Protein backbone atom coordinates (compact mmCIF):
# COMPACT_ATOMS: atom_id res chain seq x y z
CA UNK A 1 -43.90 90.46 52.69
CA UNK A 2 -44.77 91.28 49.09
CA UNK A 3 -44.81 88.66 46.35
CA UNK A 4 -41.68 90.16 44.81
CA UNK A 5 -39.85 90.07 48.14
CA UNK A 6 -40.96 86.48 48.68
CA UNK A 7 -39.67 85.51 45.23
CA UNK A 8 -36.29 87.08 46.02
CA UNK A 9 -35.92 84.90 49.12
CA UNK A 10 -36.17 81.65 47.16
CA UNK A 11 -33.07 79.51 46.57
CA UNK A 12 -31.94 79.00 42.98
CA UNK A 13 -31.57 75.49 41.58
CA UNK A 14 -29.42 74.66 38.56
CA UNK A 15 -30.81 71.47 37.09
CA UNK A 16 -30.98 69.23 34.04
CA UNK A 17 -34.28 67.45 33.63
CA UNK A 18 -32.97 64.01 32.67
CA UNK A 19 -30.08 63.74 35.15
CA UNK A 20 -30.94 61.28 37.97
CA UNK A 21 -28.98 63.32 40.52
CA UNK A 22 -30.98 66.42 39.57
CA UNK A 23 -34.20 64.39 39.74
CA UNK A 24 -33.25 63.37 43.29
CA UNK A 25 -32.89 67.01 44.29
CA UNK A 26 -36.12 68.13 42.62
CA UNK A 27 -38.07 65.27 44.21
CA UNK A 28 -36.76 66.24 47.64
CA UNK A 29 -37.69 69.89 47.15
CA UNK A 30 -41.15 68.87 45.96
CA UNK A 31 -41.67 66.45 48.82
CA UNK A 32 -40.67 69.08 51.37
CA UNK A 33 -42.72 71.86 49.72
CA UNK A 34 -39.71 74.07 49.05
CA UNK A 35 -40.17 76.16 45.89
CA UNK A 36 -37.05 77.38 44.11
CA UNK A 37 -36.08 79.56 41.18
CA UNK A 38 -35.13 77.06 38.50
CA UNK A 39 -32.43 77.30 35.89
CA UNK A 40 -32.73 74.41 33.44
CA UNK A 41 -29.34 74.21 31.75
CA UNK A 42 -27.78 72.46 28.79
CA UNK A 43 -24.83 70.29 29.77
CA UNK A 44 -23.19 71.19 26.45
CA UNK A 45 -23.45 74.93 27.13
CA UNK A 46 -23.14 75.44 30.86
CA UNK A 47 -23.83 79.02 31.95
CA UNK A 48 -20.93 80.95 33.43
CA UNK A 49 -23.01 81.69 36.53
CA UNK A 50 -23.05 77.96 37.32
CA UNK A 51 -19.31 77.51 36.76
CA UNK A 52 -18.57 80.53 38.94
CA UNK A 53 -20.37 79.16 42.00
CA UNK A 54 -19.49 75.50 41.35
CA UNK A 55 -16.43 75.08 39.10
CA UNK A 56 -16.93 71.32 38.67
CA UNK A 57 -19.98 72.19 36.55
CA UNK A 58 -22.23 69.31 37.57
CA UNK A 59 -25.89 69.45 38.49
CA UNK A 60 -27.77 69.80 40.71
CA UNK A 61 -26.49 72.96 42.37
CA UNK A 62 -28.56 74.81 44.95
CA UNK A 63 -27.64 78.44 45.63
CA UNK A 64 -29.21 79.78 48.83
CA UNK A 65 -30.26 83.41 49.33
CA UNK A 66 -27.14 83.97 51.47
CA UNK A 67 -25.06 82.69 48.49
CA UNK A 68 -24.15 79.44 50.20
CA UNK A 69 -23.79 76.71 47.56
CA UNK A 70 -24.82 73.07 47.91
CA UNK A 71 -23.60 71.07 44.93
CA UNK A 72 -24.17 67.45 45.96
CA UNK A 73 -27.62 65.94 45.50
CA UNK A 74 -27.72 64.08 48.81
CA UNK A 75 -26.73 67.25 50.65
CA UNK A 76 -29.63 69.03 48.94
CA UNK A 77 -31.98 66.29 50.16
CA UNK A 78 -30.72 66.71 53.74
CA UNK A 79 -31.04 70.49 53.46
CA UNK A 80 -34.63 70.06 52.28
CA UNK A 81 -35.47 67.82 55.24
CA UNK A 82 -34.01 70.36 57.65
CA UNK A 83 -35.92 73.26 56.08
CA UNK A 84 -39.29 71.66 55.23
CA UNK A 85 -41.91 74.18 56.40
CA UNK A 86 -45.04 72.03 56.46
CA UNK A 87 -44.05 69.15 58.69
CA UNK A 88 -41.79 68.64 61.64
CA UNK A 89 -39.89 65.69 63.03
CA UNK A 90 -38.73 64.95 66.54
CA UNK A 91 -34.97 64.86 67.05
CA UNK A 92 -35.03 61.08 66.89
CA UNK A 93 -37.26 60.95 63.81
CA UNK A 94 -35.11 63.52 62.00
CA UNK A 95 -31.97 61.55 62.81
CA UNK A 96 -33.47 58.26 61.59
CA UNK A 97 -34.77 59.76 58.35
CA UNK A 98 -31.48 61.50 57.55
CA UNK A 99 -29.51 58.37 58.41
CA UNK A 100 -31.69 56.22 56.17
CA UNK A 101 -31.52 58.69 53.28
CA UNK A 102 -27.74 58.83 53.58
CA UNK A 103 -27.51 55.04 53.79
CA UNK A 104 -29.60 54.34 50.69
CA UNK A 105 -28.34 57.31 48.72
CA UNK A 106 -24.67 56.62 49.46
CA UNK A 107 -24.97 52.93 48.65
CA UNK A 108 -26.75 53.81 45.42
CA UNK A 109 -24.06 56.30 44.39
CA UNK A 110 -21.13 54.16 45.48
CA UNK A 111 -22.22 50.64 44.53
CA UNK A 112 -25.15 50.80 42.13
CA UNK A 113 -24.51 53.82 39.91
CA UNK A 114 -21.09 52.66 38.59
CA UNK A 115 -22.65 49.35 37.52
CA UNK A 116 -25.60 51.18 36.01
CA UNK A 117 -23.20 53.20 33.86
CA UNK A 118 -21.45 50.03 32.68
CA UNK A 119 -24.80 48.40 31.98
CA UNK A 120 -26.29 51.37 30.14
CA UNK A 121 -23.17 52.45 28.23
CA UNK A 122 -21.18 49.23 27.97
CA UNK A 123 -19.35 50.33 24.81
CA UNK A 124 -17.61 53.08 26.79
CA UNK A 125 -15.82 50.48 28.88
CA UNK A 126 -14.21 48.52 26.05
CA UNK A 127 -10.51 49.27 25.82
CA UNK A 128 -8.80 50.27 22.58
CA UNK A 129 -7.14 46.88 22.41
CA UNK A 130 -10.47 45.13 22.77
CA UNK A 131 -12.02 47.23 20.02
CA UNK A 132 -9.31 46.06 17.66
CA UNK A 133 -10.08 42.43 18.44
CA UNK A 134 -12.68 40.39 16.59
CA UNK A 135 -14.28 39.53 19.92
CA UNK A 136 -15.19 43.15 20.73
CA UNK A 137 -18.91 42.45 20.44
CA UNK A 138 -18.66 39.51 22.81
CA UNK A 139 -16.66 41.66 25.21
CA UNK A 140 -19.45 44.24 25.26
CA UNK A 141 -22.01 41.52 25.94
CA UNK A 142 -19.89 40.26 28.83
CA UNK A 143 -19.69 43.78 30.27
CA UNK A 144 -23.47 44.12 30.10
CA UNK A 145 -24.05 40.81 31.87
CA UNK A 146 -21.44 41.49 34.53
CA UNK A 147 -22.71 45.00 35.21
CA UNK A 148 -26.32 43.87 35.37
CA UNK A 149 -25.41 41.11 37.80
CA UNK A 150 -23.34 43.46 39.96
CA UNK A 151 -26.08 46.08 40.01
CA UNK A 152 -28.60 43.42 40.92
CA UNK A 153 -26.90 42.97 44.31
CA UNK A 154 -28.11 46.42 45.37
CA UNK A 155 -31.59 45.72 44.01
CA UNK A 156 -31.77 42.37 45.81
CA UNK A 157 -31.02 44.15 49.07
CA UNK A 158 -33.72 46.72 48.32
CA UNK A 159 -36.24 44.01 47.52
CA UNK A 160 -35.36 42.12 50.71
CA UNK A 161 -35.90 45.26 52.79
CA UNK A 162 -39.28 45.84 51.16
CA UNK A 163 -40.24 42.25 51.99
CA UNK A 164 -39.23 42.78 55.61
CA UNK A 165 -41.28 45.99 55.82
CA UNK A 166 -44.28 44.18 54.33
CA UNK A 167 -43.94 41.47 56.98
CA UNK A 168 -43.48 44.05 59.75
CA UNK A 169 -46.72 45.78 58.73
CA UNK A 170 -48.50 42.43 58.45
CA UNK A 171 -49.84 43.25 55.00
CA UNK A 172 -50.95 40.91 52.19
CA UNK A 173 -47.99 39.68 50.18
CA UNK A 174 -48.83 41.63 47.02
CA UNK A 175 -49.27 44.98 48.78
CA UNK A 176 -47.01 47.74 47.49
CA UNK A 177 -44.80 48.96 50.31
CA UNK A 178 -42.00 51.50 50.50
CA UNK A 179 -38.85 52.00 52.53
CA UNK A 180 -40.79 54.26 54.91
CA UNK A 181 -43.90 52.10 55.16
CA UNK A 182 -47.20 52.41 53.30
CA UNK A 183 -46.35 55.68 51.53
CA UNK A 184 -43.21 56.66 49.59
CA UNK A 185 -40.86 59.10 51.26
CA UNK A 186 -37.37 60.46 50.68
CA UNK A 187 -35.77 57.08 51.23
CA UNK A 188 -37.52 55.87 48.07
CA UNK A 189 -37.26 59.09 46.08
CA UNK A 190 -33.51 59.33 46.68
CA UNK A 191 -32.83 56.11 44.78
CA UNK A 192 -35.81 55.80 42.44
CA UNK A 193 -34.32 57.83 39.51
CA UNK A 194 -31.38 55.41 39.30
CA UNK A 195 -33.52 52.25 39.49
CA UNK A 196 -35.69 53.82 36.78
CA UNK A 197 -32.66 54.06 34.48
CA UNK A 198 -31.63 50.48 35.23
CA UNK A 199 -35.10 49.17 34.37
CA UNK A 200 -35.16 51.14 31.11
CA UNK A 201 -31.93 49.64 29.73
CA UNK A 202 -33.64 46.35 28.89
CA UNK A 203 -37.35 46.57 29.64
CA UNK A 204 -38.06 43.02 28.53
CA UNK A 205 -35.39 41.61 30.87
CA UNK A 206 -36.70 43.78 33.73
CA UNK A 207 -40.27 42.58 33.23
CA UNK A 208 -39.38 38.92 32.87
CA UNK A 209 -36.53 38.50 35.35
CA UNK A 210 -36.85 41.18 38.01
CA UNK A 211 -38.45 40.57 41.40
CA UNK A 212 -42.18 41.38 41.18
CA UNK A 213 -42.21 43.37 44.42
CA UNK A 214 -39.49 45.62 43.05
CA UNK A 215 -41.40 46.00 39.78
CA UNK A 216 -44.51 47.09 41.68
CA UNK A 217 -42.46 49.50 43.80
CA UNK A 218 -40.95 51.20 40.75
CA UNK A 219 -44.20 51.24 38.76
CA UNK A 220 -46.06 52.93 41.61
CA UNK A 221 -43.37 55.62 41.92
CA UNK A 222 -43.34 56.23 38.17
CA UNK A 223 -47.11 56.78 38.29
CA UNK A 224 -46.99 58.99 41.39
CA UNK A 225 -48.07 62.64 40.91
CA UNK A 226 -44.91 63.79 42.67
CA UNK A 227 -42.73 62.23 39.98
CA UNK A 228 -44.89 63.68 37.22
CA UNK A 229 -44.40 67.16 38.69
CA UNK A 230 -40.68 66.54 39.03
CA UNK A 231 -40.49 65.91 35.30
CA UNK A 232 -42.30 69.07 34.18
CA UNK A 233 -40.53 70.65 31.22
CA UNK A 234 -39.02 74.11 31.53
CA UNK A 235 -37.41 76.28 28.89
CA UNK A 236 -33.63 76.26 28.81
CA UNK A 237 -32.12 79.04 30.88
CA UNK A 238 -31.37 82.30 29.10
CA UNK A 239 -29.40 85.09 30.77
CA UNK A 240 -32.08 87.72 30.10
CA UNK A 241 -35.03 85.75 31.44
CA UNK A 242 -36.66 85.76 34.87
CA UNK A 243 -36.10 82.40 36.55
CA UNK A 244 -39.35 80.38 36.64
CA UNK A 245 -40.65 78.93 39.86
CA UNK A 246 -40.28 75.20 40.40
CA UNK A 247 -42.66 73.50 40.81
CA UNK A 248 -45.32 74.94 38.58
CA UNK A 249 -48.69 74.38 40.22
CA UNK A 250 -51.16 72.30 38.28
CA UNK A 251 -54.50 73.73 39.42
CA UNK A 252 -56.35 70.62 38.25
CA UNK A 253 -54.15 68.28 40.24
CA UNK A 254 -54.00 69.86 43.67
CA UNK A 255 -55.91 67.06 45.30
CA UNK A 256 -53.85 64.15 46.55
CA UNK A 257 -50.45 65.50 45.50
CA UNK A 258 -49.27 66.37 49.00
CA UNK A 259 -47.27 63.37 50.22
CA UNK A 260 -47.17 64.78 53.73
CA UNK A 261 -50.93 65.19 54.07
CA UNK A 262 -51.56 61.54 53.29
CA UNK A 263 -52.23 59.32 56.28
CA UNK A 264 -49.29 57.00 56.72
CA UNK A 265 -48.57 54.14 59.06
CA UNK A 266 -44.86 53.67 59.42
CA UNK A 267 -42.88 50.82 60.94
CA UNK A 268 -41.98 51.52 64.54
CA UNK A 269 -38.37 52.33 63.63
CA UNK A 270 -39.30 54.76 60.87
CA UNK A 271 -40.32 58.41 61.37
CA UNK A 272 -43.90 59.46 60.74
CA UNK A 273 -44.25 62.86 59.15
CA UNK A 274 -46.47 65.23 61.09
CA UNK A 275 -48.24 68.23 59.68
CA UNK A 276 -48.12 71.73 61.05
CA UNK A 277 -51.10 74.05 61.00
CA UNK A 278 -49.97 76.28 58.15
CA UNK A 279 -51.34 77.52 54.82
CA UNK A 280 -51.66 74.94 52.09
CA UNK A 281 -48.30 74.74 50.28
CA UNK A 282 -49.84 74.98 46.84
CA UNK A 283 -51.49 78.27 47.79
CA UNK A 284 -48.05 79.71 48.48
CA UNK A 285 -46.76 78.43 45.15
CA UNK A 286 -49.85 79.83 43.37
CA UNK A 287 -48.98 83.25 44.78
CA UNK A 288 -45.37 82.98 43.65
CA UNK A 289 -46.30 81.81 40.19
CA UNK A 290 -48.89 84.52 39.72
CA UNK A 291 -46.28 87.14 40.62
CA UNK A 292 -43.65 85.75 38.26
CA UNK A 293 -45.29 84.13 35.25
CA UNK A 294 -42.99 81.74 33.38
CA UNK A 295 -44.24 79.48 30.65
CA UNK A 296 -43.62 75.75 30.86
CA UNK A 297 -42.45 74.48 27.49
CA UNK A 298 -45.03 72.23 25.91
CA UNK A 299 -42.22 70.90 23.74
CA UNK A 300 -38.72 70.71 25.11
CA UNK A 301 -36.42 72.84 22.91
CA UNK A 302 -33.55 70.54 23.74
CA UNK A 303 -35.50 67.31 23.19
CA UNK A 304 -33.95 66.78 19.76
CA UNK A 305 -30.57 66.43 21.42
CA UNK A 306 -31.94 64.72 24.52
CA UNK A 307 -30.14 61.46 23.83
CA UNK A 308 -26.75 63.16 23.69
CA UNK A 309 -27.56 65.30 26.74
CA UNK A 310 -28.66 62.19 28.62
CA UNK A 311 -25.26 60.65 27.89
CA UNK A 312 -23.60 63.79 29.16
CA UNK A 313 -25.68 63.62 32.33
CA UNK A 314 -24.44 60.09 32.92
CA UNK A 315 -20.87 61.08 32.07
CA UNK A 316 -20.91 63.71 34.78
CA UNK A 317 -22.46 61.09 37.07
CA UNK A 318 -19.49 58.81 36.46
CA UNK A 319 -17.15 61.59 37.52
CA UNK A 320 -19.17 62.17 40.65
CA UNK A 321 -19.06 58.55 41.80
CA UNK A 322 -16.53 57.91 44.57
């Protein structure tokens, strides 16, 4: 198969860099070594091609070569697990991983994300009557406290599970552990973008009040090469351009960026990813990128309006929440 033919077989992903749902999808595709043709869109100027295949106009949207459309982030994660070419799972392991991803992702979307929105954008949830009152500022403060407390219930459960995994593995108390064991996997990556936003609302409160194990968990994921690659900047989609390949391969960072090649020791109830004897995934992506050169923006052309776009990303997230 020629490079051009290989490029044509890649799925197309509509994404917005700062949207946590889109981050979830990109992290899953990265983790499973599934390159895609990326269309980085503006939420203020959604391309007609996106609205045609997914009228609700939210991201992420994955369009497969057979034109099948997957427009929910958790479904994209499950598709990535099922189609990952460089590792395989037994039937039981696959079932456990998918069940865990659905459990954590669904709880995050259903219970945590609505409180995150209230916490991050509390002024949106003040009624017109409250705005007209002299106590509007106090009302906003109450919303922030209530939302933070409600969101903390999800985080307390996460922290408790990490503690239990640490005990199960018989590791020193301050060891960083993940929902899959000693190495992060899609259980962690499926919820990390949302916890990241929660921590960023009030960094001082997070550092002084949040459980230390949870702080270490998030810090390690933020510093992970996989997350750095997820956040690469791409030029905004233009109708006359060739779609760039995601991810771009950083030739200086090939070592130790393959989460599947790392030796992991999982709890007995968690699946252990096993490698197949196949070409190195980055070699495949090098071939694709050399055939279809697309420049990564060193400066994001939409960065000047990033704050407004970020709000739009969260607005669409509110609509998506059950």
